[in-house]
Amino acid sequence: MDRGQRAVVIVEMLVEAAEALAADVDVEQVICRYLAQGLEADVAACYVPDRQTGEKVLACHPDRAAAAELVGLLGQLDGDTGDQAPLVLQHRKLGQILVVTPSGFDPDDASAHRGLAFAKQEGFGEHQVLLLHEAIPPLMALLPHAVAATERRERYQAGRDAAREYGLTTRELEVLELLAQGLLATSIASRLSLSPRTVHKHLGNIYDKLGVHDRLVAVSLARGRGLVAA
């Protein structure tokens, strides 16, 4: 793979990643797949590096079990993960491992960090290491957007899970969201084309299901559980 071919891999990855961002789908999986194919890796993972709580696999190739094994090994191997250059490690089972954790994230937010790890039993060629090295600058620009998209999806899913837990209907969630925005019952009724009486009925149901008795506590609980935007 010459320099031009490496550039094609990186550009195609960026194009598909941009499309994934626009569609609000998994950008980390796009990154993991393109780089895994370009590196001809046996196993690849995009993960949240956290030695205290355990690394969390976000995207994988060819499957999550293999990626989890790879990421789990990183804490057992000597050497810090890479930053501006890929770190090369050796493992008796997985062969050669390339690890990189592009910088540019909030240093105080561990959940915003990302790592990429690739393993190949036969080892990586020089041109493959160069591919990963050349991909780091665009990754530094792309990954923060991927992190934000992932966090939005996780908040949304947490909110849906909480809504099912409390038994809230879609309409009740709409009323609760407008309530959290500071709208009064009459304004909520106008926004949703409902009567004020119907809105008050929805509010009563919401309070009962949340186990609260007033607007402020309902909104505070809803924000804490991800039912509405914080």
C-alpha atoms as a PDB file:
ATOM      1  CA  MET A   1       0.000   0.000   0.000  1.00  0.00           C
ATOM      2  CA  ASP A   2       1.621   3.241  -1.160  1.00  0.00           C
ATOM      3  CA  ARG A   3       0.947   6.751   0.124  1.00  0.00           C
ATOM      4  CA  GLY A   4      -1.838   7.365  -2.376  1.00  0.00           C
ATOM      5  CA  GLN A   5      -3.633   4.174  -1.387  1.00  0.00           C
ATOM      6  CA  ARG A   6      -3.337   5.075   2.280  1.00  0.00           C
ATOM      7  CA  ALA A   7      -4.810   8.484   1.529  1.00  0.00           C
ATOM      8  CA  VAL A   8      -7.757   6.847  -0.239  1.00  0.00           C
ATOM      9  CA  VAL A   9      -8.487   4.693   2.818  1.00  0.00           C
ATOM     10  CA  ILE A  10      -8.404   7.727   5.112  1.00  0.00           C
ATOM     11  CA  VAL A  11     -10.544   9.921   2.824  1.00  0.00           C
ATOM     12  CA  GLU A  12     -13.138   7.188   2.314  1.00  0.00           C
ATOM     13  CA  MET A  13     -13.253   6.662   6.080  1.00  0.00           C
ATOM     14  CA  LEU A  14     -13.831  10.378   6.638  1.00  0.00           C
ATOM     15  CA  VAL A  15     -16.584  10.533   4.004  1.00  0.00           C
ATOM     16  CA  GLU A  16     -18.486   7.592   5.477  1.00  0.00           C
ATOM     17  CA  ALA A  17     -17.903   8.910   9.001  1.00  0.00           C
ATOM     18  CA  ALA A  18     -19.391  12.281   7.994  1.00  0.00           C
ATOM     19  CA  GLU A  19     -22.420  10.479   6.573  1.00  0.00           C
ATOM     20  CA  ALA A  20     -22.732   8.501   9.798  1.00  0.00           C
ATOM     21  CA  LEU A  21     -22.606  11.710  11.838  1.00  0.00           C
ATOM     22  CA  ALA A  22     -25.326  13.243   9.682  1.00  0.00           C
ATOM     23  CA  ALA A  23     -27.481  10.143  10.162  1.00  0.00           C
ATOM     24  CA  ASP A  24     -26.612   9.991  13.896  1.00  0.00           C
ATOM     25  CA  VAL A  25     -25.374   6.407  13.707  1.00  0.00           C
ATOM     26  CA  ASP A  26     -22.275   4.710  15.108  1.00  0.00           C
ATOM     27  CA  VAL A  27     -19.228   6.648  13.875  1.00  0.00           C
ATOM     28  CA  GLU A  28     -16.763   4.632  15.950  1.00  0.00           C
ATOM     29  CA  GLN A  29     -17.784   1.489  14.084  1.00  0.00           C
ATOM     30  CA  VAL A  30     -17.047   3.182  10.744  1.00  0.00           C
ATOM     31  CA  ILE A  31     -13.587   4.224  11.966  1.00  0.00           C
ATOM     32  CA  CYS A  32     -12.862   0.778  13.392  1.00  0.00           C
ATOM     33  CA  ARG A  33     -13.951  -1.034  10.241  1.00  0.00           C
ATOM     34  CA  TYR A  34     -12.016   1.123   7.768  1.00  0.00           C
ATOM     35  CA  LEU A  35      -8.786   1.063   9.734  1.00  0.00           C
ATOM     36  CA  ALA A  36      -9.106  -2.663  10.451  1.00  0.00           C
ATOM     37  CA  GLN A  37      -9.471  -3.354   6.740  1.00  0.00           C
ATOM     38  CA  GLY A  38      -6.648  -1.002   5.813  1.00  0.00           C
ATOM     39  CA  LEU A  39      -4.347  -2.576   8.386  1.00  0.00           C
ATOM     40  CA  GLU A  40      -5.532  -6.090   7.516  1.00  0.00           C
ATOM     41  CA  ALA A  41      -5.955  -6.616  11.251  1.00  0.00           C
ATOM     42  CA  ASP A  42      -7.239  -9.874  12.702  1.00  0.00           C
ATOM     43  CA  VAL A  43      -8.898  -8.011  15.582  1.00  0.00           C
ATOM     44  CA  ALA A  44      -9.715  -4.342  16.089  1.00  0.00           C
ATOM     45  CA  ALA A  45     -11.452  -2.277  18.740  1.00  0.00           C
ATOM     46  CA  CYS A  46     -12.400   1.303  19.451  1.00  0.00           C
ATOM     47  CA  TYR A  47     -12.725   1.698  23.201  1.00  0.00           C
ATOM     48  CA  VAL A  48     -12.863   4.065  26.158  1.00  0.00           C
ATOM     49  CA  PRO A  49      -9.497   3.695  27.937  1.00  0.00           C
ATOM     50  CA  ASP A  50     -10.012   3.636  31.698  1.00  0.00           C
ATOM     51  CA  ARG A  51      -7.659   1.480  33.769  1.00  0.00           C
ATOM     52  CA  GLN A  52      -9.605   2.143  36.995  1.00  0.00           C
ATOM     53  CA  THR A  53     -13.075   1.036  35.907  1.00  0.00           C
ATOM     54  CA  GLY A  54     -12.046  -1.152  32.976  1.00  0.00           C
ATOM     55  CA  GLU A  55     -11.905  -0.305  29.312  1.00  0.00           C
ATOM     56  CA  LYS A  56     -15.256  -0.186  27.517  1.00  0.00           C
ATOM     57  CA  VAL A  57     -15.469  -1.523  23.962  1.00  0.00           C
ATOM     58  CA  LEU A  58     -17.477   0.760  21.666  1.00  0.00           C
ATOM     59  CA  ALA A  59     -16.811  -0.752  18.246  1.00  0.00           C
ATOM     60  CA  CYS A  60     -15.230  -3.964  17.092  1.00  0.00           C
ATOM     61  CA  HIS A  61     -13.916  -6.143  14.285  1.00  0.00           C
ATOM     62  CA  PRO A  62     -14.683  -8.927  13.563  1.00  0.00           C
ATOM     63  CA  ASP A  63     -16.835  -9.392  16.681  1.00  0.00           C
ATOM     64  CA  ARG A  64     -17.241  -8.017  20.200  1.00  0.00           C
ATOM     65  CA  ALA A  65     -15.802 -11.075  21.966  1.00  0.00           C
ATOM     66  CA  ALA A  66     -12.513 -10.815  20.080  1.00  0.00           C
ATOM     67  CA  ALA A  67     -12.369  -7.041  20.577  1.00  0.00           C
ATOM     68  CA  ALA A  68     -13.091  -7.381  24.292  1.00  0.00           C
ATOM     69  CA  GLU A  69     -10.243  -9.883  24.629  1.00  0.00           C
ATOM     70  CA  LEU A  70      -7.882  -7.484  22.857  1.00  0.00           C
ATOM     71  CA  VAL A  71      -8.878  -4.505  24.972  1.00  0.00           C
ATOM     72  CA  GLY A  72      -8.744  -6.572  28.142  1.00  0.00           C
ATOM     73  CA  LEU A  73      -5.130  -7.443  27.405  1.00  0.00           C
ATOM     74  CA  LEU A  74      -4.009  -3.832  27.149  1.00  0.00           C
ATOM     75  CA  GLY A  75      -4.035  -3.334  30.889  1.00  0.00           C
ATOM     76  CA  GLN A  76      -1.811  -6.387  31.310  1.00  0.00           C
ATOM     77  CA  LEU A  77       0.870  -5.352  28.841  1.00  0.00           C
ATOM     78  CA  ASP A  78       3.808  -3.138  29.645  1.00  0.00           C
ATOM     79  CA  GLY A  79       3.895   0.388  28.270  1.00  0.00           C
ATOM     80  CA  ASP A  80       1.473   3.281  28.107  1.00  0.00           C
ATOM     81  CA  THR A  81      -0.946   3.476  25.201  1.00  0.00           C
ATOM     82  CA  GLY A  82       0.149   5.556  22.224  1.00  0.00           C
ATOM     83  CA  ASP A  83      -0.714   9.180  21.615  1.00  0.00           C
ATOM     84  CA  GLN A  84       0.715  10.920  18.573  1.00  0.00           C
ATOM     85  CA  ALA A  85       2.369   7.736  17.320  1.00  0.00           C
ATOM     86  CA  PRO A  86       1.130   4.131  17.395  1.00  0.00           C
ATOM     87  CA  LEU A  87       2.534   2.047  20.216  1.00  0.00           C
ATOM     88  CA  VAL A  88       3.718  -1.395  19.110  1.00  0.00           C
ATOM     89  CA  LEU A  89       3.228  -4.255  21.573  1.00  0.00           C
ATOM     90  CA  GLN A  90       3.685  -8.019  21.356  1.00  0.00           C
ATOM     91  CA  HIS A  91       1.457 -10.776  22.664  1.00  0.00           C
ATOM     92  CA  ARG A  92       2.058 -14.518  22.364  1.00  0.00           C
ATOM     93  CA  LYS A  93      -1.526 -15.249  21.283  1.00  0.00           C
ATOM     94  CA  LEU A  94      -2.625 -12.181  19.318  1.00  0.00           C
ATOM     95  CA  GLY A  95       0.740 -11.374  17.774  1.00  0.00           C
ATOM     96  CA  GLN A  96       1.625  -7.756  17.155  1.00  0.00           C
ATOM     97  CA  ILE A  97      -0.660  -5.078  18.610  1.00  0.00           C
ATOM     98  CA  LEU A  98      -0.882  -1.445  17.542  1.00  0.00           C
ATOM     99  CA  VAL A  99      -2.426   0.980  20.026  1.00  0.00           C
ATOM    100  CA  VAL A 100      -3.163   4.676  19.663  1.00  0.00           C
ATOM    101  CA  THR A 101      -5.130   7.121  21.809  1.00  0.00           C
ATOM    102  CA  PRO A 102      -5.379  10.397  19.857  1.00  0.00           C
ATOM    103  CA  SER A 103      -5.198  13.488  22.055  1.00  0.00           C
ATOM    104  CA  GLY A 104      -7.417  16.536  21.795  1.00  0.00           C
ATOM    105  CA  PHE A 105     -10.099  15.494  24.288  1.00  0.00           C
ATOM    106  CA  ASP A 106     -11.165  17.110  27.547  1.00  0.00           C
ATOM    107  CA  PRO A 107      -8.534  15.869  30.039  1.00  0.00           C
ATOM    108  CA  ASP A 108     -11.055  16.082  32.887  1.00  0.00           C
ATOM    109  CA  ASP A 109     -13.644  13.898  31.146  1.00  0.00           C
ATOM    110  CA  ALA A 110     -12.432  10.294  31.103  1.00  0.00           C
ATOM    111  CA  SER A 111     -15.560   9.122  29.262  1.00  0.00           C
ATOM    112  CA  ALA A 112     -14.654  11.346  26.304  1.00  0.00           C
ATOM    113  CA  HIS A 113     -11.338   9.584  25.657  1.00  0.00           C
ATOM    114  CA  ARG A 114     -11.010   7.071  22.858  1.00  0.00           C
ATOM    115  CA  GLY A 115      -8.456   4.393  22.090  1.00  0.00           C
ATOM    116  CA  LEU A 116      -7.902   2.269  19.012  1.00  0.00           C
ATOM    117  CA  ALA A 117      -6.237  -1.137  19.154  1.00  0.00           C
ATOM    118  CA  PHE A 118      -5.407  -3.547  16.345  1.00  0.00           C
ATOM    119  CA  ALA A 119      -3.874  -7.019  16.501  1.00  0.00           C
ATOM    120  CA  LYS A 120      -2.375  -9.178  13.759  1.00  0.00           C
ATOM    121  CA  GLN A 121      -0.836 -12.568  14.306  1.00  0.00           C
ATOM    122  CA  GLU A 122       1.669 -12.187  11.458  1.00  0.00           C
ATOM    123  CA  GLY A 123       2.570  -8.626  12.421  1.00  0.00           C
ATOM    124  CA  PHE A 124       1.979  -5.327  10.643  1.00  0.00           C
ATOM    125  CA  GLY A 125       4.028  -4.069   7.716  1.00  0.00           C
ATOM    126  CA  GLU A 126       5.712  -0.692   7.685  1.00  0.00           C
ATOM    127  CA  HIS A 127       3.118   0.717   5.310  1.00  0.00           C
ATOM    128  CA  GLN A 128       0.334  -0.361   7.680  1.00  0.00           C
ATOM    129  CA  VAL A 129       1.950   1.366  10.641  1.00  0.00           C
ATOM    130  CA  LEU A 130       2.274   4.444   8.427  1.00  0.00           C
ATOM    131  CA  LEU A 131      -1.441   4.258   7.613  1.00  0.00           C
ATOM    132  CA  LEU A 132      -2.350   4.418  11.280  1.00  0.00           C
ATOM    133  CA  HIS A 133       0.175   7.189  11.895  1.00  0.00           C
ATOM    134  CA  GLU A 134      -1.204   9.242   8.982  1.00  0.00           C
ATOM    135  CA  ALA A 135      -4.774   8.690  10.192  1.00  0.00           C
ATOM    136  CA  ILE A 136      -4.107  10.306  13.577  1.00  0.00           C
ATOM    137  CA  PRO A 137      -4.536  13.996  12.565  1.00  0.00           C
ATOM    138  CA  PRO A 138      -7.953  13.446  10.913  1.00  0.00           C
ATOM    139  CA  LEU A 139      -8.941  11.210  13.817  1.00  0.00           C
ATOM    140  CA  MET A 140      -8.148  14.036  16.245  1.00  0.00           C
ATOM    141  CA  ALA A 141     -10.615  16.215  14.323  1.00  0.00           C
ATOM    142  CA  LEU A 142     -13.237  13.499  13.882  1.00  0.00           C
ATOM    143  CA  LEU A 143     -13.341  11.655  17.188  1.00  0.00           C
ATOM    144  CA  PRO A 144     -14.665  14.507  19.377  1.00  0.00           C
ATOM    145  CA  HIS A 145     -17.724  14.654  17.088  1.00  0.00           C
ATOM    146  CA  ALA A 146     -18.060  10.881  17.316  1.00  0.00           C
ATOM    147  CA  VAL A 147     -17.874  11.100  21.114  1.00  0.00           C
ATOM    148  CA  ALA A 148     -20.618  13.755  21.188  1.00  0.00           C
ATOM    149  CA  ALA A 149     -22.830  11.653  18.911  1.00  0.00           C
ATOM    150  CA  THR A 150     -22.321   8.549  21.043  1.00  0.00           C
ATOM    151  CA  GLU A 151     -23.141  10.473  24.214  1.00  0.00           C
ATOM    152  CA  ARG A 152     -26.350  11.820  22.618  1.00  0.00           C
ATOM    153  CA  ARG A 153     -27.453   8.321  21.677  1.00  0.00           C
ATOM    154  CA  GLU A 154     -26.632   6.991  25.129  1.00  0.00           C
ATOM    155  CA  ARG A 155     -28.606   9.814  26.796  1.00  0.00           C
ATOM    156  CA  TYR A 156     -31.529   9.159  24.472  1.00  0.00           C
ATOM    157  CA  GLN A 157     -31.471   5.439  25.221  1.00  0.00           C
ATOM    158  CA  ALA A 158     -31.187   6.082  28.955  1.00  0.00           C
ATOM    159  CA  GLY A 159     -34.215   8.360  28.701  1.00  0.00           C
ATOM    160  CA  ARG A 160     -36.215   5.722  26.797  1.00  0.00           C
ATOM    161  CA  ASP A 161     -35.267   3.087  29.375  1.00  0.00           C
ATOM    162  CA  ALA A 162     -36.330   5.399  32.209  1.00  0.00           C
ATOM    163  CA  ALA A 163     -39.604   6.189  30.429  1.00  0.00           C
ATOM    164  CA  ARG A 164     -40.398   2.461  30.239  1.00  0.00           C
ATOM    165  CA  GLU A 165     -39.436   2.058  33.889  1.00  0.00           C
ATOM    166  CA  TYR A 166     -41.895   4.761  34.943  1.00  0.00           C
ATOM    167  CA  GLY A 167     -44.541   3.735  32.408  1.00  0.00           C
ATOM    168  CA  LEU A 168     -44.669   7.146  30.747  1.00  0.00           C
ATOM    169  CA  THR A 169     -46.463   7.396  27.414  1.00  0.00           C
ATOM    170  CA  THR A 170     -45.108   9.267  24.396  1.00  0.00           C
ATOM    171  CA  ARG A 171     -47.585  12.098  24.997  1.00  0.00           C
ATOM    172  CA  GLU A 172     -46.623  12.332  28.656  1.00  0.00           C
ATOM    173  CA  LEU A 173     -42.983  12.608  27.647  1.00  0.00           C
ATOM    174  CA  GLU A 174     -43.876  15.458  25.284  1.00  0.00           C
ATOM    175  CA  VAL A 175     -45.724  17.257  28.073  1.00  0.00           C
ATOM    176  CA  LEU A 176     -42.850  16.647  30.487  1.00  0.00           C
ATOM    177  CA  GLU A 177     -40.298  18.008  27.992  1.00  0.00           C
ATOM    178  CA  LEU A 178     -42.299  21.227  27.551  1.00  0.00           C
ATOM    179  CA  LEU A 179     -42.784  21.455  31.307  1.00  0.00           C
ATOM    180  CA  ALA A 180     -39.000  21.265  31.726  1.00  0.00           C
ATOM    181  CA  GLN A 181     -38.671  24.119  29.225  1.00  0.00           C
ATOM    182  CA  GLY A 182     -40.667  26.312  31.587  1.00  0.00           C
ATOM    183  CA  LEU A 183     -43.994  26.328  29.751  1.00  0.00           C
ATOM    184  CA  LEU A 184     -47.223  26.600  31.701  1.00  0.00           C
ATOM    185  CA  ALA A 185     -50.154  24.259  31.133  1.00  0.00           C
ATOM    186  CA  THR A 186     -51.931  26.697  28.821  1.00  0.00           C
ATOM    187  CA  SER A 187     -48.802  27.115  26.681  1.00  0.00           C
ATOM    188  CA  ILE A 188     -48.246  23.356  26.605  1.00  0.00           C
ATOM    189  CA  ALA A 189     -51.846  22.896  25.491  1.00  0.00           C
ATOM    190  CA  SER A 190     -51.384  25.413  22.689  1.00  0.00           C
ATOM    191  CA  ARG A 191     -48.088  23.845  21.578  1.00  0.00           C
ATOM    192  CA  LEU A 192     -49.549  20.323  21.449  1.00  0.00           C
ATOM    193  CA  SER A 193     -53.025  21.333  20.204  1.00  0.00           C
ATOM    194  CA  LEU A 194     -54.637  19.988  23.366  1.00  0.00           C
ATOM    195  CA  SER A 195     -57.105  21.455  25.823  1.00  0.00           C
ATOM    196  CA  PRO A 196     -55.700  22.801  29.131  1.00  0.00           C
ATOM    197  CA  ARG A 197     -57.862  20.227  30.919  1.00  0.00           C
ATOM    198  CA  THR A 198     -56.169  17.393  28.988  1.00  0.00           C
ATOM    199  CA  VAL A 199     -52.736  18.796  29.786  1.00  0.00           C
ATOM    200  CA  HIS A 200     -53.575  18.965  33.497  1.00  0.00           C
ATOM    201  CA  LYS A 201     -54.697  15.336  33.297  1.00  0.00           C
ATOM    202  CA  HIS A 202     -51.377  14.385  31.699  1.00  0.00           C
ATOM    203  CA  LEU A 203     -49.496  16.333  34.381  1.00  0.00           C
ATOM    204  CA  GLY A 204     -51.393  14.496  37.099  1.00  0.00           C
ATOM    205  CA  ASN A 205     -50.490  11.173  35.527  1.00  0.00           C
ATOM    206  CA  ILE A 206     -46.845  12.226  35.202  1.00  0.00           C
ATOM    207  CA  TYR A 207     -46.604  13.266  38.847  1.00  0.00           C
ATOM    208  CA  ASP A 208     -48.214  10.020  39.973  1.00  0.00           C
ATOM    209  CA  LYS A 209     -45.893   7.864  37.877  1.00  0.00           C
ATOM    210  CA  LEU A 210     -42.796   9.754  38.995  1.00  0.00           C
ATOM    211  CA  GLY A 211     -43.945   9.726  42.624  1.00  0.00           C
ATOM    212  CA  VAL A 212     -43.707  13.511  43.005  1.00  0.00           C
ATOM    213  CA  HIS A 213     -46.145  16.280  43.906  1.00  0.00           C
ATOM    214  CA  ASP A 214     -44.957  19.398  42.147  1.00  0.00           C
ATOM    215  CA  ARG A 215     -43.443  20.752  38.963  1.00  0.00           C
ATOM    216  CA  LEU A 216     -39.928  21.526  40.261  1.00  0.00           C
ATOM    217  CA  VAL A 217     -39.338  18.071  41.700  1.00  0.00           C
ATOM    218  CA  ALA A 218     -40.762  16.428  38.579  1.00  0.00           C
ATOM    219  CA  VAL A 219     -38.448  18.400  36.305  1.00  0.00           C
ATOM    220  CA  SER A 220     -35.425  17.782  38.533  1.00  0.00           C
ATOM    221  CA  LEU A 221     -36.055  14.031  38.595  1.00  0.00           C
ATOM    222  CA  ALA A 222     -36.742  13.940  34.843  1.00  0.00           C
ATOM    223  CA  ARG A 223     -33.454  15.678  34.081  1.00  0.00           C
ATOM    224  CA  GLY A 224     -31.537  13.423  36.423  1.00  0.00           C
ATOM    225  CA  ARG A 225     -32.937  10.285  34.783  1.00  0.00           C
ATOM    226  CA  GLY A 226     -32.497  11.556  31.239  1.00  0.00           C
ATOM    227  CA  LEU A 227     -36.228  11.794  30.552  1.00  0.00           C
ATOM    228  CA  VAL A 228     -35.745  15.355  29.319  1.00  0.00           C
ATOM    229  CA  ALA A 229     -32.779  17.395  28.167  1.00  0.00           C
ATOM    230  CA  ALA A 230     -30.636  18.705  31.017  1.00  0.00           C
END
